[in-house]
């Protein structure tokens, strides 16, 4: 059983159930070979403040809301590379990293994240249909791959996903 699934959509898999996506379009995180250690979701508003002094000498601070500055998902994972499932998951991740992150049907990102045990606030599916383009999605911004010689068989991977679209 997976405790999370990272996947991507294509025009031909717009509405396919996540469980039915081809195996090379998803990474299944479980508690053995491919582990999702934690998810963090930093959200930042683009709020600026400006100190002003009025003509009578009163001091105040003006606040301006300029929308969202960033909305990201950070996944911290470990892959036990002596296990076949981890080797497959790593190959899939390499494919995810290299492919186009947006396309006509998915203008805000074609990556999705399914977290069944904690749907809100982490699960996000690019919501395109046969007739309409997606109004939200994720894209891979950064992937950091770490190897510690003391843990010969394990890769530690951090994936930074950027949210695009309408909340």
N, C-alpha and C. Protein backbone atom coordinates (compact mmCIF):
# COMPACT_ATOMS: atom_id res chain seq x y z
N UNK A 1 0.83 -1.18 0.00
CA UNK A 1 0.00 0.00 0.00
C UNK A 1 0.88 1.25 0.00
N UNK A 2 0.51 2.22 -0.80
CA UNK A 2 1.25 3.48 -0.89
C UNK A 2 0.75 4.44 0.17
N UNK A 3 1.68 5.25 0.68
CA UNK A 3 1.22 6.32 1.55
C UNK A 3 1.21 7.65 0.81
N UNK A 4 1.66 7.65 -0.45
CA UNK A 4 1.57 8.81 -1.33
C UNK A 4 1.96 8.38 -2.74
N UNK A 5 1.47 9.15 -3.73
CA UNK A 5 1.82 8.89 -5.12
C UNK A 5 2.12 10.23 -5.78
N UNK A 6 3.30 10.33 -6.39
CA UNK A 6 3.66 11.47 -7.22
C UNK A 6 3.50 11.01 -8.65
N UNK A 7 2.85 11.79 -9.49
CA UNK A 7 2.55 11.33 -10.85
C UNK A 7 2.48 12.52 -11.80
N UNK A 8 2.45 12.21 -13.09
CA UNK A 8 2.20 13.26 -14.07
C UNK A 8 1.08 12.84 -15.01
N UNK A 9 0.44 13.83 -15.56
CA UNK A 9 -0.66 13.61 -16.50
C UNK A 9 -0.20 13.98 -17.90
N UNK A 10 -0.82 13.36 -18.89
CA UNK A 10 -0.62 13.70 -20.29
C UNK A 10 -2.00 13.92 -20.90
N UNK A 11 -2.03 14.38 -22.13
CA UNK A 11 -3.31 14.59 -22.79
C UNK A 11 -4.12 13.30 -22.84
N UNK A 12 -3.43 12.16 -22.99
CA UNK A 12 -4.16 10.89 -23.07
C UNK A 12 -4.54 10.32 -21.70
N UNK A 13 -4.01 10.89 -20.60
CA UNK A 13 -4.38 10.40 -19.26
C UNK A 13 -5.02 11.52 -18.42
N UNK A 14 -5.70 12.44 -19.09
CA UNK A 14 -6.30 13.60 -18.44
C UNK A 14 -7.20 13.23 -17.27
N UNK A 15 -8.07 12.24 -17.47
CA UNK A 15 -9.03 11.88 -16.43
C UNK A 15 -8.86 10.45 -15.93
N UNK A 16 -7.76 9.80 -16.28
CA UNK A 16 -7.50 8.44 -15.82
C UNK A 16 -7.36 8.42 -14.30
N UNK A 17 -7.96 7.45 -13.66
CA UNK A 17 -7.81 7.29 -12.20
C UNK A 17 -6.33 7.14 -11.88
N UNK A 18 -5.90 7.72 -10.79
CA UNK A 18 -4.48 7.69 -10.43
C UNK A 18 -3.96 6.26 -10.35
N UNK A 19 -4.71 5.38 -9.74
CA UNK A 19 -4.29 3.97 -9.61
C UNK A 19 -4.14 3.29 -10.97
N UNK A 20 -4.83 3.80 -11.99
CA UNK A 20 -4.78 3.18 -13.32
C UNK A 20 -3.77 3.83 -14.26
N UNK A 21 -3.05 4.84 -13.79
CA UNK A 21 -2.02 5.45 -14.64
C UNK A 21 -0.93 4.42 -14.95
N UNK A 22 -0.28 4.52 -16.11
CA UNK A 22 0.82 3.60 -16.41
C UNK A 22 1.91 3.68 -15.32
N UNK A 23 2.56 2.59 -15.06
CA UNK A 23 3.55 2.54 -13.96
C UNK A 23 4.70 3.52 -14.16
N UNK A 24 5.03 3.88 -15.41
CA UNK A 24 6.13 4.82 -15.62
C UNK A 24 5.70 6.28 -15.44
N UNK A 25 4.42 6.52 -15.14
CA UNK A 25 3.92 7.88 -14.90
C UNK A 25 3.71 8.16 -13.42
N UNK A 26 4.17 7.27 -12.55
CA UNK A 26 3.94 7.52 -11.12
C UNK A 26 5.06 6.93 -10.28
N UNK A 27 5.23 7.50 -9.13
CA UNK A 27 6.16 7.00 -8.11
C UNK A 27 5.32 6.69 -6.89
N UNK A 28 5.34 5.43 -6.48
CA UNK A 28 4.58 4.99 -5.31
C UNK A 28 5.49 5.03 -4.09
N UNK A 29 5.12 5.83 -3.12
CA UNK A 29 5.88 5.89 -1.88
C UNK A 29 5.26 4.90 -0.90
N UNK A 30 6.09 4.01 -0.38
CA UNK A 30 5.62 3.06 0.63
C UNK A 30 6.51 3.21 1.86
N UNK A 31 6.51 2.28 2.72
CA UNK A 31 7.35 2.41 3.92
C UNK A 31 8.58 1.53 3.88
N UNK A 32 8.95 1.04 2.70
CA UNK A 32 10.13 0.18 2.66
C UNK A 32 11.18 0.73 1.69
N UNK A 33 11.05 0.45 0.40
CA UNK A 33 12.09 0.82 -0.56
C UNK A 33 12.05 2.30 -0.94
N UNK A 34 10.86 2.84 -1.08
CA UNK A 34 10.69 4.23 -1.52
C UNK A 34 9.84 4.93 -0.47
N UNK A 35 10.52 5.71 0.38
CA UNK A 35 9.82 6.32 1.52
C UNK A 35 9.65 7.81 1.33
N UNK A 36 8.48 8.29 1.66
CA UNK A 36 8.24 9.71 1.75
C UNK A 36 8.41 10.07 3.22
N UNK A 37 9.50 10.74 3.53
CA UNK A 37 9.83 11.05 4.93
C UNK A 37 8.96 12.18 5.48
N UNK A 38 8.79 13.23 4.66
CA UNK A 38 7.93 14.34 5.11
C UNK A 38 7.58 15.23 3.93
N UNK A 39 6.49 15.97 4.11
CA UNK A 39 6.08 16.98 3.14
C UNK A 39 5.97 18.30 3.89
N UNK A 40 6.53 19.34 3.31
CA UNK A 40 6.31 20.68 3.86
C UNK A 40 5.69 21.52 2.74
N UNK A 41 4.88 22.46 3.13
CA UNK A 41 4.20 23.29 2.14
C UNK A 41 4.33 24.76 2.51
N UNK A 42 5.48 25.36 2.19
CA UNK A 42 5.64 26.79 2.45
C UNK A 42 4.75 27.62 1.53
N UNK A 43 4.00 28.52 2.09
CA UNK A 43 3.13 29.42 1.35
C UNK A 43 3.49 30.84 1.76
N UNK A 44 3.73 31.69 0.76
CA UNK A 44 4.12 33.06 1.07
C UNK A 44 3.25 34.04 0.30
N UNK A 45 2.70 35.00 1.01
CA UNK A 45 1.99 36.09 0.37
C UNK A 45 2.99 37.19 -0.01
N UNK A 46 2.65 37.93 -1.04
CA UNK A 46 3.48 39.04 -1.47
C UNK A 46 2.92 40.33 -0.86
N UNK A 47 3.12 40.45 0.43
CA UNK A 47 2.64 41.61 1.17
C UNK A 47 3.83 42.51 1.45
N UNK A 48 3.67 43.78 1.08
CA UNK A 48 4.75 44.74 1.35
C UNK A 48 4.24 45.78 2.33
N UNK A 49 5.15 46.28 3.12
CA UNK A 49 4.79 47.36 4.02
C UNK A 49 5.73 48.54 3.79
N UNK A 50 5.16 49.72 3.92
CA UNK A 50 5.93 50.94 3.70
C UNK A 50 5.67 51.89 4.86
N UNK A 51 6.74 52.30 5.51
CA UNK A 51 6.60 53.26 6.60
C UNK A 51 6.43 54.65 6.00
N UNK A 52 5.46 55.38 6.54
CA UNK A 52 5.21 56.75 6.06
C UNK A 52 5.08 57.69 7.25
N UNK A 53 5.36 58.95 6.97
CA UNK A 53 5.14 60.01 7.96
C UNK A 53 4.23 61.02 7.30
N UNK A 54 3.12 61.33 7.99
CA UNK A 54 2.17 62.30 7.43
C UNK A 54 2.67 63.72 7.68
N UNK A 55 1.98 64.70 7.08
CA UNK A 55 2.41 66.10 7.21
C UNK A 55 2.37 66.59 8.65
N UNK A 56 1.51 65.99 9.49
CA UNK A 56 1.47 66.43 10.90
C UNK A 56 2.44 65.64 11.78
N UNK A 57 3.28 64.76 11.16
CA UNK A 57 4.29 64.03 11.92
C UNK A 57 3.86 62.66 12.41
N UNK A 58 2.61 62.27 12.11
CA UNK A 58 2.13 60.96 12.52
C UNK A 58 2.84 59.88 11.71
N UNK A 59 3.27 58.86 12.39
CA UNK A 59 3.94 57.75 11.71
C UNK A 59 2.97 56.59 11.58
N UNK A 60 3.00 55.96 10.42
CA UNK A 60 2.16 54.79 10.22
C UNK A 60 2.82 53.88 9.18
N UNK A 61 2.25 52.71 9.06
CA UNK A 61 2.76 51.74 8.09
C UNK A 61 1.63 51.37 7.14
N UNK A 62 1.87 51.54 5.86
CA UNK A 62 0.89 51.14 4.85
C UNK A 62 1.20 49.70 4.43
N UNK A 63 0.15 48.92 4.27
CA UNK A 63 0.26 47.52 3.86
C UNK A 63 -0.34 47.37 2.47
N UNK A 64 0.39 46.68 1.58
CA UNK A 64 -0.13 46.42 0.25
C UNK A 64 -0.08 44.93 -0.02
N UNK A 65 -1.21 44.34 -0.42
CA UNK A 65 -1.30 42.91 -0.74
C UNK A 65 -1.16 42.75 -2.26
N UNK A 66 -0.09 42.08 -2.67
CA UNK A 66 0.19 41.89 -4.09
C UNK A 66 -0.02 40.45 -4.53
N UNK A 67 -0.86 39.71 -3.82
CA UNK A 67 -1.15 38.33 -4.21
C UNK A 67 -0.17 37.32 -3.61
N UNK A 68 -0.05 36.20 -4.29
CA UNK A 68 0.81 35.10 -3.82
C UNK A 68 2.24 35.34 -4.27
N UNK A 69 3.19 35.18 -3.36
CA UNK A 69 4.60 35.24 -3.73
C UNK A 69 5.07 33.84 -4.14
N UNK A 70 4.73 32.83 -3.34
CA UNK A 70 5.06 31.45 -3.73
C UNK A 70 4.20 30.47 -2.95
N UNK A 71 3.94 29.34 -3.60
CA UNK A 71 3.17 28.26 -3.00
C UNK A 71 3.86 26.98 -3.47
N UNK A 72 4.58 26.34 -2.59
CA UNK A 72 5.39 25.19 -2.99
C UNK A 72 5.08 23.98 -2.10
N UNK A 73 5.47 22.84 -2.60
CA UNK A 73 5.40 21.59 -1.86
C UNK A 73 6.82 21.02 -1.87
N UNK A 74 7.35 20.68 -0.72
CA UNK A 74 8.68 20.10 -0.66
C UNK A 74 8.57 18.68 -0.12
N UNK A 75 9.02 17.72 -0.92
CA UNK A 75 8.97 16.32 -0.53
C UNK A 75 10.37 15.85 -0.17
N UNK A 76 10.52 15.27 0.99
CA UNK A 76 11.78 14.69 1.43
C UNK A 76 11.61 13.18 1.38
N UNK A 77 12.43 12.50 0.56
CA UNK A 77 12.27 11.07 0.29
C UNK A 77 13.58 10.33 0.52
N UNK A 78 13.46 9.02 0.71
CA UNK A 78 14.64 8.15 0.71
C UNK A 78 14.34 6.94 -0.16
N UNK A 79 15.32 6.60 -0.99
CA UNK A 79 15.21 5.46 -1.91
C UNK A 79 16.27 4.44 -1.52
N UNK A 80 15.84 3.24 -1.16
CA UNK A 80 16.77 2.13 -0.86
C UNK A 80 17.16 1.47 -2.18
N UNK A 81 18.30 1.85 -2.72
CA UNK A 81 18.66 1.47 -4.08
C UNK A 81 19.00 -0.01 -4.25
N UNK A 82 19.04 -0.78 -3.16
CA UNK A 82 19.24 -2.22 -3.29
C UNK A 82 17.90 -2.94 -3.52
N UNK A 83 16.81 -2.19 -3.61
CA UNK A 83 15.47 -2.75 -3.83
C UNK A 83 15.01 -2.38 -5.24
N UNK A 84 14.38 -3.33 -5.93
CA UNK A 84 13.92 -3.10 -7.31
C UNK A 84 12.93 -1.94 -7.39
N UNK A 85 12.05 -1.82 -6.42
CA UNK A 85 11.06 -0.75 -6.45
C UNK A 85 11.72 0.63 -6.44
N UNK A 86 12.82 0.77 -5.70
CA UNK A 86 13.52 2.05 -5.63
C UNK A 86 14.24 2.35 -6.94
N UNK A 87 14.81 1.34 -7.56
CA UNK A 87 15.48 1.53 -8.85
C UNK A 87 14.48 2.01 -9.89
N UNK A 88 13.30 1.40 -9.91
CA UNK A 88 12.24 1.81 -10.83
C UNK A 88 11.77 3.22 -10.52
N UNK A 89 11.55 3.52 -9.25
CA UNK A 89 11.09 4.85 -8.85
C UNK A 89 12.11 5.91 -9.23
N UNK A 90 13.39 5.61 -9.06
CA UNK A 90 14.42 6.58 -9.43
C UNK A 90 14.43 6.82 -10.94
N UNK A 91 14.30 5.76 -11.72
CA UNK A 91 14.22 5.91 -13.18
C UNK A 91 13.02 6.77 -13.57
N UNK A 92 11.90 6.55 -12.91
CA UNK A 92 10.71 7.37 -13.17
C UNK A 92 10.95 8.83 -12.80
N UNK A 93 11.62 9.06 -11.67
CA UNK A 93 11.92 10.43 -11.26
C UNK A 93 12.80 11.12 -12.30
N UNK A 94 13.78 10.43 -12.83
CA UNK A 94 14.63 11.00 -13.88
C UNK A 94 13.77 11.43 -15.07
N UNK A 95 12.80 10.61 -15.43
CA UNK A 95 11.89 10.95 -16.53
C UNK A 95 11.05 12.17 -16.17
N UNK A 96 10.51 12.20 -14.95
CA UNK A 96 9.71 13.34 -14.50
C UNK A 96 10.52 14.64 -14.63
N UNK A 97 11.78 14.60 -14.22
CA UNK A 97 12.63 15.78 -14.20
C UNK A 97 12.88 16.31 -15.61
N UNK A 98 13.01 15.42 -16.57
CA UNK A 98 13.42 15.81 -17.93
C UNK A 98 12.27 16.19 -18.84
N UNK A 99 11.06 15.78 -18.50
CA UNK A 99 9.95 16.04 -19.42
C UNK A 99 9.41 17.46 -19.23
N UNK A 100 8.68 17.94 -20.22
CA UNK A 100 8.07 19.26 -20.16
C UNK A 100 7.11 19.32 -18.98
N UNK A 101 7.19 20.38 -18.22
CA UNK A 101 6.39 20.51 -17.00
C UNK A 101 5.00 21.12 -17.25
N UNK A 102 4.83 21.80 -18.36
CA UNK A 102 3.52 22.35 -18.72
C UNK A 102 3.24 21.99 -20.17
N UNK A 103 1.98 21.87 -20.50
CA UNK A 103 1.56 21.62 -21.88
C UNK A 103 0.19 22.25 -22.07
N UNK A 104 -0.31 22.22 -23.27
CA UNK A 104 -1.56 22.93 -23.58
C UNK A 104 -2.68 22.58 -22.63
N UNK A 105 -2.90 21.32 -22.37
CA UNK A 105 -3.98 20.88 -21.49
C UNK A 105 -3.69 21.20 -20.02
N UNK A 106 -2.40 21.34 -19.69
CA UNK A 106 -1.97 21.58 -18.30
C UNK A 106 -1.06 22.82 -18.25
N UNK A 107 -1.63 24.01 -18.43
CA UNK A 107 -0.81 25.22 -18.50
C UNK A 107 -0.16 25.62 -17.17
N UNK A 108 -0.60 25.04 -16.06
CA UNK A 108 -0.05 25.38 -14.75
C UNK A 108 0.80 24.27 -14.16
N UNK A 109 1.02 23.20 -14.91
CA UNK A 109 1.82 22.07 -14.43
C UNK A 109 1.06 20.77 -14.59
N UNK A 110 1.78 19.73 -14.98
CA UNK A 110 1.14 18.43 -15.21
C UNK A 110 1.46 17.40 -14.13
N UNK A 111 2.07 17.84 -13.05
CA UNK A 111 2.43 16.95 -11.94
C UNK A 111 1.29 16.98 -10.91
N UNK A 112 1.00 15.81 -10.35
CA UNK A 112 0.01 15.70 -9.30
C UNK A 112 0.59 14.97 -8.10
N UNK A 113 -0.02 15.17 -6.95
CA UNK A 113 0.40 14.51 -5.72
C UNK A 113 -0.85 14.00 -5.01
N UNK A 114 -0.85 12.72 -4.69
CA UNK A 114 -1.97 12.10 -3.99
C UNK A 114 -1.47 11.58 -2.65
N UNK A 115 -2.05 12.08 -1.57
CA UNK A 115 -1.67 11.67 -0.21
C UNK A 115 -2.95 11.21 0.48
N UNK A 116 -3.26 9.91 0.40
CA UNK A 116 -4.56 9.43 0.90
C UNK A 116 -4.79 9.62 2.39
N UNK A 117 -3.75 9.60 3.18
CA UNK A 117 -3.93 9.70 4.63
C UNK A 117 -3.99 11.15 5.12
N UNK A 118 -3.71 12.09 4.22
CA UNK A 118 -3.68 13.50 4.60
C UNK A 118 -4.03 14.34 3.37
N UNK A 119 -5.21 14.09 2.81
CA UNK A 119 -5.59 14.74 1.56
C UNK A 119 -5.41 16.26 1.60
N UNK A 120 -6.03 16.90 2.59
CA UNK A 120 -5.84 18.33 2.73
C UNK A 120 -4.73 18.55 3.73
N UNK A 121 -3.78 19.34 3.49
CA UNK A 121 -3.65 20.29 2.40
C UNK A 121 -2.69 19.84 1.30
N UNK A 122 -2.44 18.54 1.16
CA UNK A 122 -1.36 18.11 0.28
C UNK A 122 -1.78 17.53 -1.07
N UNK A 123 -2.92 16.88 -1.18
CA UNK A 123 -3.31 16.26 -2.44
C UNK A 123 -3.69 17.33 -3.46
N UNK A 124 -3.14 17.22 -4.66
CA UNK A 124 -3.48 18.14 -5.73
C UNK A 124 -3.40 17.39 -7.07
N UNK A 125 -4.50 17.36 -7.78
CA UNK A 125 -4.57 16.69 -9.08
C UNK A 125 -4.78 17.76 -10.15
N UNK A 126 -3.92 17.79 -11.19
CA UNK A 126 -4.20 18.72 -12.29
C UNK A 126 -5.59 18.40 -12.85
N UNK A 127 -6.49 19.36 -12.82
CA UNK A 127 -7.92 19.09 -12.99
C UNK A 127 -8.46 19.29 -14.40
N UNK A 128 -7.69 18.94 -15.42
CA UNK A 128 -8.19 19.06 -16.79
C UNK A 128 -9.26 18.00 -17.05
N UNK A 129 -10.12 18.29 -17.99
CA UNK A 129 -11.11 17.31 -18.47
C UNK A 129 -10.93 17.20 -19.98
N UNK A 130 -11.75 16.39 -20.60
CA UNK A 130 -11.67 16.25 -22.05
C UNK A 130 -11.96 17.57 -22.75
N UNK A 131 -12.79 18.43 -22.11
CA UNK A 131 -13.22 19.67 -22.75
C UNK A 131 -12.53 20.93 -22.26
N UNK A 132 -11.91 20.88 -21.08
CA UNK A 132 -11.31 22.10 -20.51
C UNK A 132 -9.88 21.87 -20.06
N UNK A 133 -9.10 22.93 -20.11
CA UNK A 133 -7.73 22.89 -19.61
C UNK A 133 -7.74 22.96 -18.08
N UNK A 134 -6.67 22.46 -17.49
CA UNK A 134 -6.55 22.49 -16.03
C UNK A 134 -6.46 23.93 -15.53
N UNK A 135 -6.99 24.17 -14.34
CA UNK A 135 -6.90 25.49 -13.70
C UNK A 135 -5.87 25.50 -12.58
N UNK A 136 -5.21 24.36 -12.37
CA UNK A 136 -4.17 24.26 -11.34
C UNK A 136 -3.28 23.06 -11.66
N UNK A 137 -2.12 23.04 -11.07
CA UNK A 137 -1.20 21.92 -11.26
C UNK A 137 0.11 22.18 -10.54
N UNK A 138 0.97 21.21 -10.56
CA UNK A 138 2.30 21.32 -9.96
C UNK A 138 3.34 21.11 -11.05
N UNK A 139 4.52 21.67 -10.84
CA UNK A 139 5.65 21.41 -11.73
C UNK A 139 6.88 21.21 -10.86
N UNK A 140 7.83 20.45 -11.38
CA UNK A 140 9.07 20.21 -10.63
C UNK A 140 10.01 21.38 -10.85
N UNK A 141 10.34 22.07 -9.78
CA UNK A 141 11.27 23.20 -9.85
C UNK A 141 12.69 22.73 -9.58
N UNK A 142 12.90 21.98 -8.51
CA UNK A 142 14.24 21.53 -8.13
C UNK A 142 14.19 20.10 -7.63
N UNK A 143 15.27 19.38 -7.87
CA UNK A 143 15.47 18.05 -7.27
C UNK A 143 16.89 18.00 -6.76
N UNK A 144 17.04 17.72 -5.48
CA UNK A 144 18.36 17.55 -4.87
C UNK A 144 18.52 16.08 -4.52
N UNK A 145 19.60 15.48 -4.99
CA UNK A 145 19.88 14.07 -4.73
C UNK A 145 21.14 13.99 -3.87
N UNK A 146 21.01 13.36 -2.72
CA UNK A 146 22.13 13.25 -1.78
C UNK A 146 22.49 11.79 -1.57
N UNK A 147 23.77 11.54 -1.39
CA UNK A 147 24.25 10.21 -1.06
C UNK A 147 25.25 10.36 0.07
N UNK A 148 25.07 9.55 1.09
CA UNK A 148 25.97 9.55 2.24
C UNK A 148 26.75 8.25 2.21
N UNK A 149 28.08 8.29 2.11
CA UNK A 149 28.87 7.06 2.03
C UNK A 149 28.65 6.10 3.21
N UNK A 150 28.19 6.61 4.33
CA UNK A 150 27.94 5.73 5.48
C UNK A 150 26.66 4.91 5.30
N UNK A 151 25.79 5.38 4.42
CA UNK A 151 24.56 4.66 4.13
C UNK A 151 24.58 4.30 2.64
N UNK A 152 25.42 3.37 2.31
CA UNK A 152 25.79 3.07 0.94
C UNK A 152 24.60 2.84 0.02
N UNK A 153 23.55 2.22 0.49
CA UNK A 153 22.46 1.81 -0.38
C UNK A 153 21.30 2.80 -0.45
N UNK A 154 21.41 3.96 0.19
CA UNK A 154 20.28 4.87 0.27
C UNK A 154 20.58 6.22 -0.38
N UNK A 155 19.65 6.67 -1.22
CA UNK A 155 19.68 8.03 -1.75
C UNK A 155 18.63 8.85 -1.01
N UNK A 156 18.99 10.06 -0.65
CA UNK A 156 18.04 11.00 -0.05
C UNK A 156 17.72 12.04 -1.10
N UNK A 157 16.45 12.23 -1.35
CA UNK A 157 16.02 13.09 -2.45
C UNK A 157 15.02 14.12 -1.92
N UNK A 158 15.24 15.36 -2.30
CA UNK A 158 14.32 16.44 -1.98
C UNK A 158 13.76 16.97 -3.30
N UNK A 159 12.45 16.99 -3.40
CA UNK A 159 11.77 17.44 -4.62
C UNK A 159 10.98 18.70 -4.27
N UNK A 160 11.25 19.79 -4.99
CA UNK A 160 10.51 21.03 -4.78
C UNK A 160 9.51 21.17 -5.92
N UNK A 161 8.23 21.16 -5.57
CA UNK A 161 7.15 21.30 -6.54
C UNK A 161 6.56 22.70 -6.42
N UNK A 162 6.34 23.37 -7.54
CA UNK A 162 5.74 24.70 -7.56
C UNK A 162 4.28 24.59 -7.95
N UNK A 163 3.43 25.25 -7.20
CA UNK A 163 2.00 25.30 -7.53
C UNK A 163 1.78 26.37 -8.59
N UNK A 164 0.92 26.08 -9.54
CA UNK A 164 0.49 27.07 -10.52
C UNK A 164 -1.02 27.00 -10.64
N UNK A 165 -1.64 28.16 -10.91
CA UNK A 165 -3.07 28.17 -11.14
C UNK A 165 -3.85 28.91 -10.08
N UNK A 166 -5.10 28.55 -9.98
CA UNK A 166 -6.04 29.22 -9.08
C UNK A 166 -6.28 28.37 -7.85
N UNK A 167 -6.17 28.97 -6.69
CA UNK A 167 -6.44 28.27 -5.44
C UNK A 167 -7.92 28.06 -5.26
